[in-house]
Amino acid sequence: MTTRIALIGYGKMGQFISSLAPEHNCQIVATIDPVHPESARSICAESLAAADVCIDFSHPSAVLQNIKQVLELGKPLVVGTTGWHNHLEEVRHWVEKSGTGLVYGANFSIGMNLFSRLLAEAVKSFDKFSAYDVYGLELHHRQKADSPSGTAIELSKIILENSSHKNSALFDPAYRRIEPYELHFASIRAGSIPGTHTVGFDCEADTVELTHRVRSRSGFALGALQAAKWLKDRQGFYSFSQVISDILC
């Protein structure tokens, strides 16, 4: 059965989702974007009426208000926008109160989510050899709205959860020597660099690196569409990694 979707935010990501939707048994029945001439200007009962589920790829400055409005209208929502995850518990409460569903993620790439699982196992393995020091590096185009990326923050959490040597992450310049217990995860913004995340394990003998590099927005779009179909008839508050776990099972 076709999943009917309302897109909130009709920039490059929204347009990519729209172009791929028909191939994946999804139909875009509405777009909401205040600056796109062919979209509805606001989230309301009328603009979401035909949708089974909504997908938000808007902007960090607007996403919390978007989430609140969609949930108040009783529609399930997939949130691909980052920069708001320090409000997770507040949003969880909104979801429970609304009686509908929400899937969020720092990165909706299926490849990145599988990468994260591999990373957890790699950290556990290298953690047994104290000669290796772990680090992170992420690169994006200069138009990206947040730094560090939401994905970098999530990857740092995976590292800290599985390392006995690191207990805090440092994303900003330190202007000092890095402490042994600090995970240094650096960010670079320049030109048109595709989203690239690297985690390395270094010692005097060698360096081992795991890298995920985006080649196309199709990976994010496919993940978002997969999440929308999965969420359509569910209630509750889920991370995209939980969606992946359910599919793998």
C-alpha atoms as a PDB file:
ATOM      1  CA  MET A   1       0.000   0.000   0.000  1.00  0.00           C
ATOM      2  CA  THR A   2       1.340   3.436  -0.934  1.00  0.00           C
ATOM      3  CA  THR A   3       2.608   5.638   1.900  1.00  0.00           C
ATOM      4  CA  ARG A   4       1.438   9.242   1.484  1.00  0.00           C
ATOM      5  CA  ILE A   5       4.019  11.763   2.649  1.00  0.00           C
ATOM      6  CA  ALA A   6       4.067  15.475   3.443  1.00  0.00           C
ATOM      7  CA  LEU A   7       7.529  17.024   3.073  1.00  0.00           C
ATOM      8  CA  ILE A   8       8.396  19.817   5.482  1.00  0.00           C
ATOM      9  CA  GLY A   9      11.264  21.739   3.950  1.00  0.00           C
ATOM     10  CA  TYR A  10      11.571  21.602   0.185  1.00  0.00           C
ATOM     11  CA  GLY A  11      15.221  22.377  -0.324  1.00  0.00           C
ATOM     12  CA  LYS A  12      17.728  20.033  -1.968  1.00  0.00           C
ATOM     13  CA  MET A  13      16.996  17.159   0.409  1.00  0.00           C
ATOM     14  CA  GLY A  14      13.226  17.495   0.146  1.00  0.00           C
ATOM     15  CA  GLN A  15      13.410  17.601  -3.634  1.00  0.00           C
ATOM     16  CA  PHE A  16      15.626  14.511  -3.662  1.00  0.00           C
ATOM     17  CA  ILE A  17      13.111  12.606  -1.530  1.00  0.00           C
ATOM     18  CA  SER A  18      10.323  13.734  -3.834  1.00  0.00           C
ATOM     19  CA  SER A  19      12.145  12.456  -6.934  1.00  0.00           C
ATOM     20  CA  LEU A  20      12.811   9.017  -5.406  1.00  0.00           C
ATOM     21  CA  ALA A  21       9.440   8.487  -3.686  1.00  0.00           C
ATOM     22  CA  PRO A  22       7.571   6.870  -6.627  1.00  0.00           C
ATOM     23  CA  GLU A  23      10.245   4.158  -6.965  1.00  0.00           C
ATOM     24  CA  HIS A  24       9.691   3.148  -3.337  1.00  0.00           C
ATOM     25  CA  ASN A  25       5.903   2.963  -3.163  1.00  0.00           C
ATOM     26  CA  CYS A  26       5.568   6.444  -1.659  1.00  0.00           C
ATOM     27  CA  GLN A  27       3.577   9.444  -2.848  1.00  0.00           C
ATOM     28  CA  ILE A  28       4.362  13.075  -1.980  1.00  0.00           C
ATOM     29  CA  VAL A  29       0.966  14.608  -1.303  1.00  0.00           C
ATOM     30  CA  ALA A  30       2.145  17.952   0.138  1.00  0.00           C
ATOM     31  CA  THR A  31       5.219  20.130   0.503  1.00  0.00           C
ATOM     32  CA  ILE A  32       5.510  22.839   3.147  1.00  0.00           C
ATOM     33  CA  ASP A  33       8.200  25.483   2.747  1.00  0.00           C
ATOM     34  CA  PRO A  34       7.762  29.230   3.395  1.00  0.00           C
ATOM     35  CA  VAL A  35      10.147  30.228   0.599  1.00  0.00           C
ATOM     36  CA  HIS A  36       9.366  27.681  -2.112  1.00  0.00           C
ATOM     37  CA  PRO A  37       6.766  29.176  -4.497  1.00  0.00           C
ATOM     38  CA  GLU A  38       4.887  25.931  -5.188  1.00  0.00           C
ATOM     39  CA  SER A  39       4.676  24.794  -1.548  1.00  0.00           C
ATOM     40  CA  ALA A  40       2.222  25.452   1.239  1.00  0.00           C
ATOM     41  CA  ARG A  41       3.488  28.237   3.483  1.00  0.00           C
ATOM     42  CA  SER A  42       2.752  26.686   6.868  1.00  0.00           C
ATOM     43  CA  ILE A  43       2.006  23.493   8.781  1.00  0.00           C
ATOM     44  CA  CYS A  44      -1.722  23.223   9.392  1.00  0.00           C
ATOM     45  CA  ALA A  45      -4.555  20.695   9.297  1.00  0.00           C
ATOM     46  CA  GLU A  46      -5.260  21.558   5.673  1.00  0.00           C
ATOM     47  CA  SER A  47      -1.664  21.201   4.412  1.00  0.00           C
ATOM     48  CA  LEU A  48      -1.227  17.824   6.169  1.00  0.00           C
ATOM     49  CA  ALA A  49      -4.719  16.453   5.582  1.00  0.00           C
ATOM     50  CA  ALA A  50      -3.799  13.907   2.890  1.00  0.00           C
ATOM     51  CA  ALA A  51      -0.580  12.661   4.534  1.00  0.00           C
ATOM     52  CA  ASP A  52      -0.062   9.383   6.389  1.00  0.00           C
ATOM     53  CA  VAL A  53       3.308  10.568   7.697  1.00  0.00           C
ATOM     54  CA  CYS A  54       5.502  13.684   7.485  1.00  0.00           C
ATOM     55  CA  ILE A  55       9.248  14.033   6.810  1.00  0.00           C
ATOM     56  CA  ASP A  56      11.116  17.110   8.069  1.00  0.00           C
ATOM     57  CA  PHE A  57      14.335  18.240   6.408  1.00  0.00           C
ATOM     58  CA  SER A  58      14.013  21.930   7.205  1.00  0.00           C
ATOM     59  CA  HIS A  59      16.433  23.977   9.352  1.00  0.00           C
ATOM     60  CA  PRO A  60      17.658  23.746  12.973  1.00  0.00           C
ATOM     61  CA  SER A  61      16.066  27.116  13.739  1.00  0.00           C
ATOM     62  CA  ALA A  62      12.599  25.880  12.715  1.00  0.00           C
ATOM     63  CA  VAL A  63      12.587  22.179  13.502  1.00  0.00           C
ATOM     64  CA  LEU A  64      11.337  22.221  17.119  1.00  0.00           C
ATOM     65  CA  GLN A  65       8.322  24.333  16.229  1.00  0.00           C
ATOM     66  CA  ASN A  66       7.671  22.086  13.217  1.00  0.00           C
ATOM     67  CA  ILE A  67       7.770  18.972  15.406  1.00  0.00           C
ATOM     68  CA  LYS A  68       5.370  20.486  17.920  1.00  0.00           C
ATOM     69  CA  GLN A  69       2.880  21.534  15.260  1.00  0.00           C
ATOM     70  CA  VAL A  70       2.901  18.196  13.426  1.00  0.00           C
ATOM     71  CA  LEU A  71       2.443  16.204  16.642  1.00  0.00           C
ATOM     72  CA  GLU A  72      -0.405  18.468  17.785  1.00  0.00           C
ATOM     73  CA  LEU A  73      -2.113  17.642  14.473  1.00  0.00           C
ATOM     74  CA  GLY A  74      -1.739  13.928  15.219  1.00  0.00           C
ATOM     75  CA  LYS A  75       0.590  13.052  12.342  1.00  0.00           C
ATOM     76  CA  PRO A  76       3.617  10.758  12.697  1.00  0.00           C
ATOM     77  CA  LEU A  77       6.897  12.420  11.784  1.00  0.00           C
ATOM     78  CA  VAL A  78      10.372  11.484  10.542  1.00  0.00           C
ATOM     79  CA  VAL A  79      12.884  14.186  11.505  1.00  0.00           C
ATOM     80  CA  GLY A  80      16.057  14.368   9.441  1.00  0.00           C
ATOM     81  CA  THR A  81      16.967  17.893  10.539  1.00  0.00           C
ATOM     82  CA  THR A  82      19.791  18.033  13.096  1.00  0.00           C
ATOM     83  CA  GLY A  83      20.881  20.639  15.646  1.00  0.00           C
ATOM     84  CA  TRP A  84      18.060  20.008  18.167  1.00  0.00           C
ATOM     85  CA  HIS A  85      19.025  16.759  19.897  1.00  0.00           C
ATOM     86  CA  ASN A  86      19.631  18.459  23.250  1.00  0.00           C
ATOM     87  CA  HIS A  87      15.798  18.642  23.403  1.00  0.00           C
ATOM     88  CA  LEU A  88      15.207  14.897  22.944  1.00  0.00           C
ATOM     89  CA  GLU A  89      13.481  14.327  26.282  1.00  0.00           C
ATOM     90  CA  GLU A  90      11.187  17.299  25.750  1.00  0.00           C
ATOM     91  CA  VAL A  91      10.219  15.993  22.306  1.00  0.00           C
ATOM     92  CA  ARG A  92       9.767  12.482  23.688  1.00  0.00           C
ATOM     93  CA  HIS A  93       7.180  13.947  26.078  1.00  0.00           C
ATOM     94  CA  TRP A  94       5.395  15.662  23.178  1.00  0.00           C
ATOM     95  CA  VAL A  95       5.258  12.368  21.269  1.00  0.00           C
ATOM     96  CA  GLU A  96       3.830  10.487  24.252  1.00  0.00           C
ATOM     97  CA  LYS A  97       1.241  13.215  24.809  1.00  0.00           C
ATOM     98  CA  SER A  98       0.200  13.240  21.140  1.00  0.00           C
ATOM     99  CA  GLY A  99      -0.220   9.459  20.934  1.00  0.00           C
ATOM    100  CA  THR A 100       1.484   9.334  17.555  1.00  0.00           C
ATOM    101  CA  GLY A 101       5.018   8.420  16.400  1.00  0.00           C
ATOM    102  CA  LEU A 102       8.368  10.014  15.634  1.00  0.00           C
ATOM    103  CA  VAL A 103      11.649   8.741  14.181  1.00  0.00           C
ATOM    104  CA  TYR A 104      14.731  10.941  14.517  1.00  0.00           C
ATOM    105  CA  GLY A 105      18.314  10.510  13.440  1.00  0.00           C
ATOM    106  CA  ALA A 106      21.548  12.418  13.094  1.00  0.00           C
ATOM    107  CA  ASN A 107      22.064  10.663   9.773  1.00  0.00           C
ATOM    108  CA  PHE A 108      19.507   8.756   7.700  1.00  0.00           C
ATOM    109  CA  SER A 109      22.059   7.078   5.488  1.00  0.00           C
ATOM    110  CA  ILE A 110      21.639   3.321   5.758  1.00  0.00           C
ATOM    111  CA  GLY A 111      25.370   2.980   5.068  1.00  0.00           C
ATOM    112  CA  MET A 112      26.226   5.328   7.947  1.00  0.00           C
ATOM    113  CA  ASN A 113      24.019   3.400  10.331  1.00  0.00           C
ATOM    114  CA  LEU A 114      25.765   0.162   9.409  1.00  0.00           C
ATOM    115  CA  PHE A 115      29.084   2.026   9.727  1.00  0.00           C
ATOM    116  CA  SER A 116      28.103   2.985  13.290  1.00  0.00           C
ATOM    117  CA  ARG A 117      27.594  -0.655  14.188  1.00  0.00           C
ATOM    118  CA  LEU A 118      31.002  -1.557  12.773  1.00  0.00           C
ATOM    119  CA  LEU A 119      32.540   1.352  14.705  1.00  0.00           C
ATOM    120  CA  ALA A 120      31.209   0.092  18.030  1.00  0.00           C
ATOM    121  CA  GLU A 121      32.851  -3.279  17.463  1.00  0.00           C
ATOM    122  CA  ALA A 122      36.108  -1.664  16.301  1.00  0.00           C
ATOM    123  CA  VAL A 123      36.325   0.522  19.408  1.00  0.00           C
ATOM    124  CA  LYS A 124      35.796  -2.502  21.645  1.00  0.00           C
ATOM    125  CA  SER A 125      38.607  -4.345  19.863  1.00  0.00           C
ATOM    126  CA  PHE A 126      41.167  -1.522  19.835  1.00  0.00           C
ATOM    127  CA  ASP A 127      40.309  -0.678  23.437  1.00  0.00           C
ATOM    128  CA  LYS A 128      42.086  -3.878  24.491  1.00  0.00           C
ATOM    129  CA  PHE A 129      45.376  -2.491  23.117  1.00  0.00           C
ATOM    130  CA  SER A 130      46.418   0.652  24.998  1.00  0.00           C
ATOM    131  CA  ALA A 131      49.005   1.642  22.365  1.00  0.00           C
ATOM    132  CA  TYR A 132      46.178   2.816  20.064  1.00  0.00           C
ATOM    133  CA  ASP A 133      44.630   6.259  20.441  1.00  0.00           C
ATOM    134  CA  VAL A 134      41.250   6.952  18.831  1.00  0.00           C
ATOM    135  CA  TYR A 135      40.303  10.181  17.046  1.00  0.00           C
ATOM    136  CA  GLY A 136      37.620  11.540  14.732  1.00  0.00           C
ATOM    137  CA  LEU A 137      37.441  13.903  11.768  1.00  0.00           C
ATOM    138  CA  GLU A 138      34.439  15.121   9.793  1.00  0.00           C
ATOM    139  CA  LEU A 139      34.353  17.260   6.656  1.00  0.00           C
ATOM    140  CA  HIS A 140      31.404  18.965   4.966  1.00  0.00           C
ATOM    141  CA  HIS A 141      30.646  21.672   2.408  1.00  0.00           C
ATOM    142  CA  ARG A 142      30.719  25.253   3.627  1.00  0.00           C
ATOM    143  CA  GLN A 143      26.903  25.634   3.406  1.00  0.00           C
ATOM    144  CA  LYS A 144      26.242  23.111   6.179  1.00  0.00           C
ATOM    145  CA  ALA A 145      24.220  24.749   8.946  1.00  0.00           C
ATOM    146  CA  ASP A 146      25.835  23.085  11.978  1.00  0.00           C
ATOM    147  CA  SER A 147      29.327  22.235  13.199  1.00  0.00           C
ATOM    148  CA  PRO A 148      30.142  19.681  14.460  1.00  0.00           C
ATOM    149  CA  SER A 149      27.719  17.579  12.471  1.00  0.00           C
ATOM    150  CA  GLY A 150      24.995  15.700  14.290  1.00  0.00           C
ATOM    151  CA  THR A 151      26.582  12.527  12.970  1.00  0.00           C
ATOM    152  CA  ALA A 152      29.953  13.439  14.500  1.00  0.00           C
ATOM    153  CA  ILE A 153      28.272  13.916  17.861  1.00  0.00           C
ATOM    154  CA  GLU A 154      26.548  10.534  17.591  1.00  0.00           C
ATOM    155  CA  LEU A 155      29.769   8.786  16.520  1.00  0.00           C
ATOM    156  CA  SER A 156      31.588  10.335  19.486  1.00  0.00           C
ATOM    157  CA  LYS A 157      28.929   8.914  21.794  1.00  0.00           C
ATOM    158  CA  ILE A 158      29.481   5.442  20.330  1.00  0.00           C
ATOM    159  CA  ILE A 159      33.221   5.781  20.912  1.00  0.00           C
ATOM    160  CA  LEU A 160      32.824   6.987  24.505  1.00  0.00           C
ATOM    161  CA  GLU A 161      30.316   4.232  25.301  1.00  0.00           C
ATOM    162  CA  ASN A 162      32.733   1.544  24.134  1.00  0.00           C
ATOM    163  CA  SER A 163      36.100   2.940  25.241  1.00  0.00           C
ATOM    164  CA  SER A 164      37.675   2.606  28.678  1.00  0.00           C
ATOM    165  CA  HIS A 165      40.304   5.227  27.778  1.00  0.00           C
ATOM    166  CA  LYS A 166      38.129   8.158  26.692  1.00  0.00           C
ATOM    167  CA  ASN A 167      35.466   9.833  28.824  1.00  0.00           C
ATOM    168  CA  SER A 168      34.787  13.160  27.096  1.00  0.00           C
ATOM    169  CA  ALA A 169      34.662  14.533  23.556  1.00  0.00           C
ATOM    170  CA  LEU A 170      36.332  17.740  22.423  1.00  0.00           C
ATOM    171  CA  PHE A 171      34.922  19.350  19.268  1.00  0.00           C
ATOM    172  CA  ASP A 172      36.245  22.893  19.625  1.00  0.00           C
ATOM    173  CA  PRO A 173      39.869  24.073  19.431  1.00  0.00           C
ATOM    174  CA  ALA A 174      41.624  23.442  22.742  1.00  0.00           C
ATOM    175  CA  TYR A 175      44.609  25.794  22.359  1.00  0.00           C
ATOM    176  CA  ARG A 176      46.466  23.361  24.613  1.00  0.00           C
ATOM    177  CA  ARG A 177      47.683  19.789  24.720  1.00  0.00           C
ATOM    178  CA  ILE A 178      44.869  17.242  24.416  1.00  0.00           C
ATOM    179  CA  GLU A 179      44.441  15.150  27.566  1.00  0.00           C
ATOM    180  CA  PRO A 180      44.698  11.353  27.206  1.00  0.00           C
ATOM    181  CA  TYR A 181      41.074  10.895  28.316  1.00  0.00           C
ATOM    182  CA  GLU A 182      39.747  13.348  25.682  1.00  0.00           C
ATOM    183  CA  LEU A 183      38.437  12.217  22.322  1.00  0.00           C
ATOM    184  CA  HIS A 184      39.383  14.862  19.770  1.00  0.00           C
ATOM    185  CA  PHE A 185      36.777  15.001  16.983  1.00  0.00           C
ATOM    186  CA  ALA A 186      37.615  17.790  14.545  1.00  0.00           C
ATOM    187  CA  SER A 187      35.379  19.515  11.961  1.00  0.00           C
ATOM    188  CA  ILE A 188      36.221  21.163   8.649  1.00  0.00           C
ATOM    189  CA  ARG A 189      33.864  23.205   6.454  1.00  0.00           C
ATOM    190  CA  ALA A 190      34.997  24.191   2.970  1.00  0.00           C
ATOM    191  CA  GLY A 191      33.943  24.334  -0.664  1.00  0.00           C
ATOM    192  CA  SER A 192      31.676  21.528  -1.852  1.00  0.00           C
ATOM    193  CA  ILE A 193      33.158  18.667   0.187  1.00  0.00           C
ATOM    194  CA  PRO A 194      30.695  15.760   0.465  1.00  0.00           C
ATOM    195  CA  GLY A 195      29.866  14.624   3.985  1.00  0.00           C
ATOM    196  CA  THR A 196      32.829  12.582   5.196  1.00  0.00           C
ATOM    197  CA  HIS A 197      33.309  11.007   8.632  1.00  0.00           C
ATOM    198  CA  THR A 198      36.507   9.230   9.640  1.00  0.00           C
ATOM    199  CA  VAL A 199      37.402   7.503  12.901  1.00  0.00           C
ATOM    200  CA  GLY A 200      41.020   6.454  13.264  1.00  0.00           C
ATOM    201  CA  PHE A 201      43.050   4.321  15.636  1.00  0.00           C
ATOM    202  CA  ASP A 202      46.688   5.380  15.774  1.00  0.00           C
ATOM    203  CA  CYS A 203      49.883   4.075  17.348  1.00  0.00           C
ATOM    204  CA  GLU A 204      53.606   4.279  16.547  1.00  0.00           C
ATOM    205  CA  ALA A 205      53.407   1.196  14.341  1.00  0.00           C
ATOM    206  CA  ASP A 206      50.404   1.999  12.158  1.00  0.00           C
ATOM    207  CA  THR A 207      47.097   3.776  11.681  1.00  0.00           C
ATOM    208  CA  VAL A 208      43.748   2.115  11.000  1.00  0.00           C
ATOM    209  CA  GLU A 209      40.884   4.280   9.690  1.00  0.00           C
ATOM    210  CA  LEU A 210      37.179   3.690   9.113  1.00  0.00           C
ATOM    211  CA  THR A 211      35.591   6.191   6.720  1.00  0.00           C
ATOM    212  CA  HIS A 212      32.090   6.843   5.468  1.00  0.00           C
ATOM    213  CA  ARG A 213      31.897   9.227   2.500  1.00  0.00           C
ATOM    214  CA  VAL A 214      28.669  10.441   0.954  1.00  0.00           C
ATOM    215  CA  ARG A 215      28.511  10.238  -2.841  1.00  0.00           C
ATOM    216  CA  SER A 216      24.854  11.160  -3.257  1.00  0.00           C
ATOM    217  CA  ARG A 217      21.917  12.410  -1.227  1.00  0.00           C
ATOM    218  CA  SER A 218      20.085   9.293  -2.386  1.00  0.00           C
ATOM    219  CA  GLY A 219      21.342   7.413   0.685  1.00  0.00           C
ATOM    220  CA  PHE A 220      19.692   9.906   3.043  1.00  0.00           C
ATOM    221  CA  ALA A 221      16.529  10.032   0.953  1.00  0.00           C
ATOM    222  CA  LEU A 222      16.179   6.252   0.854  1.00  0.00           C
ATOM    223  CA  GLY A 223      16.693   6.045   4.614  1.00  0.00           C
ATOM    224  CA  ALA A 224      14.059   8.703   5.247  1.00  0.00           C
ATOM    225  CA  LEU A 225      11.550   6.968   2.972  1.00  0.00           C
ATOM    226  CA  GLN A 226      12.291   3.632   4.642  1.00  0.00           C
ATOM    227  CA  ALA A 227      11.699   5.234   8.054  1.00  0.00           C
ATOM    228  CA  ALA A 228       8.435   6.827   6.889  1.00  0.00           C
ATOM    229  CA  LYS A 229       7.052   3.495   5.662  1.00  0.00           C
ATOM    230  CA  TRP A 230       8.169   1.797   8.896  1.00  0.00           C
ATOM    231  CA  LEU A 231       6.594   4.497  11.104  1.00  0.00           C
ATOM    232  CA  LYS A 232       3.303   4.819   9.240  1.00  0.00           C
ATOM    233  CA  ASP A 233       1.254   2.552  11.537  1.00  0.00           C
ATOM    234  CA  ARG A 234       3.347   2.854  14.722  1.00  0.00           C
ATOM    235  CA  GLN A 235       3.246   4.980  17.839  1.00  0.00           C
ATOM    236  CA  GLY A 236       6.215   5.945  19.992  1.00  0.00           C
ATOM    237  CA  PHE A 237       9.595   7.666  19.965  1.00  0.00           C
ATOM    238  CA  TYR A 238      12.342   5.947  17.956  1.00  0.00           C
ATOM    239  CA  SER A 239      15.855   6.579  16.712  1.00  0.00           C
ATOM    240  CA  PHE A 240      16.664   5.618  13.122  1.00  0.00           C
ATOM    241  CA  SER A 241      19.116   3.076  14.515  1.00  0.00           C
ATOM    242  CA  GLN A 242      16.121   1.299  16.090  1.00  0.00           C
ATOM    243  CA  VAL A 243      14.464   1.187  12.671  1.00  0.00           C
ATOM    244  CA  ILE A 244      17.627  -0.399  11.227  1.00  0.00           C
ATOM    245  CA  SER A 245      17.766  -2.913  14.110  1.00  0.00           C
ATOM    246  CA  ASP A 246      14.162  -3.921  13.471  1.00  0.00           C
ATOM    247  CA  ILE A 247      14.865  -4.428   9.758  1.00  0.00           C
ATOM    248  CA  LEU A 248      17.994  -6.472  10.464  1.00  0.00           C
ATOM    249  CA  CYS A 249      16.049  -8.735  12.775  1.00  0.00           C
END
